[in-house]
Amino acid sequence: MTEDYSDSHLKDILTRTRRIAVVGVSLNEVRPSYYVARYLALKKFEVFPVNPVYAGKTAFGREVCASLGEIRAEVDMVDIFRRPEHVPAIVDEALETFPKLRTIWMQIGVWHKEAAEKARARGVDVVMNRCPKIEYQRLFGELRMGGFNTGVISSKL
């Protein structure tokens, strides 16, 4: 399942976002959820790691929370690294916990049409089956340095 998202829409989301809750984060450095969250933290996003398995441990300078409800700050985006069948409960918790939530982002291989429609009905942007790390690198010129054709034209060297 794929949806089309314009580059300008994705860039707008990544530009306005400052605080990201990463649900399903791993502390195993070779797992995508670890290196995506680490990358986002290195790019000066405030990353709030969420995974009950690692609750109480530290990742990216923050204590890992067992659930979104344990986060004591407003977040702009909830990035979901869980299988699609877990998405509805995560979206429900996110909508309840963060009244100012702007974006639900589902990682590559993750989508849930009904949960997306529920979030959109509340005015929340939804991105499915994409990775914010890859999109950030593509849209802000980092992939070009590796020789990738990003489809983005820029005079930046």
C-alpha atoms as a PDB file:
ATOM      1  CA  MET A   1       0.000   0.000   0.000  1.00  0.00           C
ATOM      2  CA  THR A   2       1.400   3.379  -0.923  1.00  0.00           C
ATOM      3  CA  GLU A   3       0.214   6.941  -0.728  1.00  0.00           C
ATOM      4  CA  ASP A   4       1.673   9.877  -2.559  1.00  0.00           C
ATOM      5  CA  TYR A   5       3.094  12.682  -0.465  1.00  0.00           C
ATOM      6  CA  SER A   6       4.454  15.771  -2.132  1.00  0.00           C
ATOM      7  CA  ASP A   7       8.005  16.771  -1.331  1.00  0.00           C
ATOM      8  CA  SER A   8       6.757  20.149  -0.125  1.00  0.00           C
ATOM      9  CA  HIS A   9       4.309  18.475   2.282  1.00  0.00           C
ATOM     10  CA  LEU A  10       6.984  16.182   3.735  1.00  0.00           C
ATOM     11  CA  LYS A  11       9.476  19.046   3.973  1.00  0.00           C
ATOM     12  CA  ASP A  12       6.894  21.191   5.759  1.00  0.00           C
ATOM     13  CA  ILE A  13       6.292  18.422   8.313  1.00  0.00           C
ATOM     14  CA  LEU A  14      10.010  17.900   8.931  1.00  0.00           C
ATOM     15  CA  THR A  15      10.662  21.644   9.166  1.00  0.00           C
ATOM     16  CA  ARG A  16       7.906  22.383  11.696  1.00  0.00           C
ATOM     17  CA  THR A  17       8.594  19.304  13.843  1.00  0.00           C
ATOM     18  CA  ARG A  18      10.841  19.697  16.899  1.00  0.00           C
ATOM     19  CA  ARG A  19       9.736  16.942  19.306  1.00  0.00           C
ATOM     20  CA  ILE A  20       9.283  13.333  18.215  1.00  0.00           C
ATOM     21  CA  ALA A  21       8.052  10.357  20.243  1.00  0.00           C
ATOM     22  CA  VAL A  22       9.500   7.192  18.690  1.00  0.00           C
ATOM     23  CA  VAL A  23       7.257   4.235  19.557  1.00  0.00           C
ATOM     24  CA  GLY A  24       8.945   0.860  19.353  1.00  0.00           C
ATOM     25  CA  VAL A  25      12.489   2.188  19.654  1.00  0.00           C
ATOM     26  CA  SER A  26      15.182  -0.415  20.232  1.00  0.00           C
ATOM     27  CA  LEU A  27      18.414   0.030  22.161  1.00  0.00           C
ATOM     28  CA  ASN A  28      20.095  -2.432  19.774  1.00  0.00           C
ATOM     29  CA  GLU A  29      22.307  -0.200  17.630  1.00  0.00           C
ATOM     30  CA  VAL A  30      21.803  -2.253  14.457  1.00  0.00           C
ATOM     31  CA  ARG A  31      18.005  -2.001  14.540  1.00  0.00           C
ATOM     32  CA  PRO A  32      16.432   0.617  12.239  1.00  0.00           C
ATOM     33  CA  SER A  33      14.409   2.089  15.112  1.00  0.00           C
ATOM     34  CA  TYR A  34      17.653   2.797  16.994  1.00  0.00           C
ATOM     35  CA  TYR A  35      19.594   4.429  14.197  1.00  0.00           C
ATOM     36  CA  VAL A  36      16.608   6.421  12.919  1.00  0.00           C
ATOM     37  CA  ALA A  37      15.948   7.809  16.414  1.00  0.00           C
ATOM     38  CA  ARG A  38      19.671   8.463  16.925  1.00  0.00           C
ATOM     39  CA  TYR A  39      19.883  10.280  13.591  1.00  0.00           C
ATOM     40  CA  LEU A  40      16.884  12.461  14.448  1.00  0.00           C
ATOM     41  CA  ALA A  41      18.430  13.315  17.819  1.00  0.00           C
ATOM     42  CA  LEU A  42      21.712  14.234  16.096  1.00  0.00           C
ATOM     43  CA  LYS A  43      19.698  16.562  13.823  1.00  0.00           C
ATOM     44  CA  LYS A  44      18.561  18.437  16.940  1.00  0.00           C
ATOM     45  CA  PHE A  45      15.071  16.966  17.161  1.00  0.00           C
ATOM     46  CA  GLU A  46      14.019  16.204  20.741  1.00  0.00           C
ATOM     47  CA  VAL A  47      13.497  12.447  20.678  1.00  0.00           C
ATOM     48  CA  PHE A  48      11.301  10.760  23.286  1.00  0.00           C
ATOM     49  CA  PRO A  49      11.980   6.993  23.131  1.00  0.00           C
ATOM     50  CA  VAL A  50       9.010   4.718  23.903  1.00  0.00           C
ATOM     51  CA  ASN A  51       9.254   0.964  24.482  1.00  0.00           C
ATOM     52  CA  PRO A  52       8.066  -0.908  27.597  1.00  0.00           C
ATOM     53  CA  VAL A  53      10.916  -3.429  27.199  1.00  0.00           C
ATOM     54  CA  TYR A  54      13.498  -0.689  27.817  1.00  0.00           C
ATOM     55  CA  ALA A  55      11.480   1.533  30.193  1.00  0.00           C
ATOM     56  CA  GLY A  56      13.714   3.339  32.662  1.00  0.00           C
ATOM     57  CA  LYS A  57      16.867   2.968  30.581  1.00  0.00           C
ATOM     58  CA  THR A  58      18.425   5.935  28.794  1.00  0.00           C
ATOM     59  CA  ALA A  59      18.538   6.523  25.037  1.00  0.00           C
ATOM     60  CA  PHE A  60      19.494   9.684  23.167  1.00  0.00           C
ATOM     61  CA  GLY A  61      19.800  11.595  26.442  1.00  0.00           C
ATOM     62  CA  ARG A  62      16.284  10.727  27.660  1.00  0.00           C
ATOM     63  CA  GLU A  63      14.712   8.070  29.790  1.00  0.00           C
ATOM     64  CA  VAL A  64      12.820   5.480  27.755  1.00  0.00           C
ATOM     65  CA  CYS A  65       9.094   5.583  28.547  1.00  0.00           C
ATOM     66  CA  ALA A  66       6.868   2.518  28.648  1.00  0.00           C
ATOM     67  CA  SER A  67       4.041   4.366  26.870  1.00  0.00           C
ATOM     68  CA  LEU A  68       3.172   7.686  25.259  1.00  0.00           C
ATOM     69  CA  GLY A  69       1.181   8.580  28.363  1.00  0.00           C
ATOM     70  CA  GLU A  70       4.405   8.719  30.406  1.00  0.00           C
ATOM     71  CA  ILE A  71       5.869  11.533  28.303  1.00  0.00           C
ATOM     72  CA  ARG A  72       5.601  14.778  30.280  1.00  0.00           C
ATOM     73  CA  ALA A  73       5.945  17.115  27.313  1.00  0.00           C
ATOM     74  CA  GLU A  74       3.943  17.957  24.226  1.00  0.00           C
ATOM     75  CA  VAL A  75       5.242  16.293  21.065  1.00  0.00           C
ATOM     76  CA  ASP A  76       4.802  17.346  17.447  1.00  0.00           C
ATOM     77  CA  MET A  77       5.137  13.901  15.879  1.00  0.00           C
ATOM     78  CA  VAL A  78       4.639  10.283  16.868  1.00  0.00           C
ATOM     79  CA  ASP A  79       6.872   8.001  14.765  1.00  0.00           C
ATOM     80  CA  ILE A  80       5.624   4.396  14.844  1.00  0.00           C
ATOM     81  CA  PHE A  81       7.975   1.393  14.592  1.00  0.00           C
ATOM     82  CA  ARG A  82       5.348  -1.262  15.318  1.00  0.00           C
ATOM     83  CA  ARG A  83       3.444  -3.752  13.185  1.00  0.00           C
ATOM     84  CA  PRO A  84       0.239  -2.446  11.577  1.00  0.00           C
ATOM     85  CA  GLU A  85      -2.067  -4.307  13.977  1.00  0.00           C
ATOM     86  CA  HIS A  86      -0.650  -2.210  16.858  1.00  0.00           C
ATOM     87  CA  VAL A  87      -1.206   1.127  15.110  1.00  0.00           C
ATOM     88  CA  PRO A  88      -4.851   1.833  16.129  1.00  0.00           C
ATOM     89  CA  ALA A  89      -4.085   1.657  19.862  1.00  0.00           C
ATOM     90  CA  ILE A  90      -0.975   3.820  19.414  1.00  0.00           C
ATOM     91  CA  VAL A  91      -2.902   6.420  17.409  1.00  0.00           C
ATOM     92  CA  ASP A  92      -5.693   6.464  20.007  1.00  0.00           C
ATOM     93  CA  GLU A  93      -3.168   6.970  22.830  1.00  0.00           C
ATOM     94  CA  ALA A  94      -1.326   9.668  20.849  1.00  0.00           C
ATOM     95  CA  LEU A  95      -4.526  11.609  20.130  1.00  0.00           C
ATOM     96  CA  GLU A  96      -5.565  11.384  23.776  1.00  0.00           C
ATOM     97  CA  THR A  97      -2.136  12.245  25.216  1.00  0.00           C
ATOM     98  CA  PHE A  98      -1.056  15.076  22.903  1.00  0.00           C
ATOM     99  CA  PRO A  99      -3.805  17.590  22.121  1.00  0.00           C
ATOM    100  CA  LYS A 100      -1.422  19.640  19.948  1.00  0.00           C
ATOM    101  CA  LEU A 101      -0.086  16.657  17.979  1.00  0.00           C
ATOM    102  CA  ARG A 102       0.611  17.607  14.365  1.00  0.00           C
ATOM    103  CA  THR A 103       1.815  14.355  12.749  1.00  0.00           C
ATOM    104  CA  ILE A 104       1.497  10.591  12.967  1.00  0.00           C
ATOM    105  CA  TRP A 105       4.337   9.004  10.974  1.00  0.00           C
ATOM    106  CA  MET A 106       4.342   5.266  10.257  1.00  0.00           C
ATOM    107  CA  GLN A 107       7.639   3.733   9.271  1.00  0.00           C
ATOM    108  CA  ILE A 108       8.411   1.760   6.112  1.00  0.00           C
ATOM    109  CA  GLY A 109       6.164  -1.297   6.017  1.00  0.00           C
ATOM    110  CA  VAL A 110       3.662   0.218   8.466  1.00  0.00           C
ATOM    111  CA  TRP A 111       0.257   1.515   7.449  1.00  0.00           C
ATOM    112  CA  HIS A 112      -3.267   1.444   8.804  1.00  0.00           C
ATOM    113  CA  LYS A 113      -5.940   3.191   6.769  1.00  0.00           C
ATOM    114  CA  GLU A 114      -8.610   3.387   9.492  1.00  0.00           C
ATOM    115  CA  ALA A 115      -6.207   4.745  12.119  1.00  0.00           C
ATOM    116  CA  ALA A 116      -4.901   7.264   9.576  1.00  0.00           C
ATOM    117  CA  GLU A 117      -8.447   8.423   8.803  1.00  0.00           C
ATOM    118  CA  LYS A 118      -9.168   8.845  12.523  1.00  0.00           C
ATOM    119  CA  ALA A 119      -6.049  10.995  12.996  1.00  0.00           C
ATOM    120  CA  ARG A 120      -6.758  13.054   9.881  1.00  0.00           C
ATOM    121  CA  ALA A 121     -10.325  13.673  11.116  1.00  0.00           C
ATOM    122  CA  ARG A 122      -8.718  15.312  14.175  1.00  0.00           C
ATOM    123  CA  GLY A 123      -6.573  17.548  11.949  1.00  0.00           C
ATOM    124  CA  VAL A 124      -3.386  15.499  12.313  1.00  0.00           C
ATOM    125  CA  ASP A 125      -1.189  14.900   9.260  1.00  0.00           C
ATOM    126  CA  VAL A 126      -0.442  11.242   8.591  1.00  0.00           C
ATOM    127  CA  VAL A 127       2.468   9.751   6.680  1.00  0.00           C
ATOM    128  CA  MET A 128       2.535   5.988   6.143  1.00  0.00           C
ATOM    129  CA  ASN A 129       5.163   3.582   4.830  1.00  0.00           C
ATOM    130  CA  ARG A 130       7.953   6.193   4.866  1.00  0.00           C
ATOM    131  CA  CYS A 131      10.996   6.905   7.008  1.00  0.00           C
ATOM    132  CA  PRO A 132      11.602  10.431   8.360  1.00  0.00           C
ATOM    133  CA  LYS A 133      15.372   9.831   8.322  1.00  0.00           C
ATOM    134  CA  ILE A 134      15.374   8.921   4.639  1.00  0.00           C
ATOM    135  CA  GLU A 135      12.995  11.745   3.761  1.00  0.00           C
ATOM    136  CA  TYR A 136      15.041  14.262   5.752  1.00  0.00           C
ATOM    137  CA  GLN A 137      18.247  13.154   4.040  1.00  0.00           C
ATOM    138  CA  ARG A 138      16.590  13.233   0.616  1.00  0.00           C
ATOM    139  CA  LEU A 139      14.828  16.577   1.008  1.00  0.00           C
ATOM    140  CA  PHE A 140      17.613  18.448   2.792  1.00  0.00           C
ATOM    141  CA  GLY A 141      20.420  17.367   0.465  1.00  0.00           C
ATOM    142  CA  GLU A 142      22.263  14.753   2.480  1.00  0.00           C
ATOM    143  CA  LEU A 143      21.701  11.847   0.095  1.00  0.00           C
ATOM    144  CA  ARG A 144      23.206  13.785  -2.829  1.00  0.00           C
ATOM    145  CA  MET A 145      26.543  13.691  -1.022  1.00  0.00           C
ATOM    146  CA  GLY A 146      26.408   9.901  -1.351  1.00  0.00           C
ATOM    147  CA  GLY A 147      25.747  10.076  -5.091  1.00  0.00           C
ATOM    148  CA  PHE A 148      21.998   9.441  -4.923  1.00  0.00           C
ATOM    149  CA  ASN A 149      19.629  11.160  -7.329  1.00  0.00           C
ATOM    150  CA  THR A 150      17.083  12.610  -4.923  1.00  0.00           C
ATOM    151  CA  GLY A 151      14.910  14.335  -7.498  1.00  0.00           C
ATOM    152  CA  VAL A 152      15.456  17.600  -5.608  1.00  0.00           C
ATOM    153  CA  ILE A 153      17.187  20.373  -7.525  1.00  0.00           C
ATOM    154  CA  SER A 154      19.423  22.616  -5.447  1.00  0.00           C
ATOM    155  CA  SER A 155      22.407  24.899  -5.861  1.00  0.00           C
ATOM    156  CA  LYS A 156      23.747  23.634  -2.536  1.00  0.00           C
ATOM    157  CA  LEU A 157      27.092  21.855  -2.849  1.00  0.00           C
END
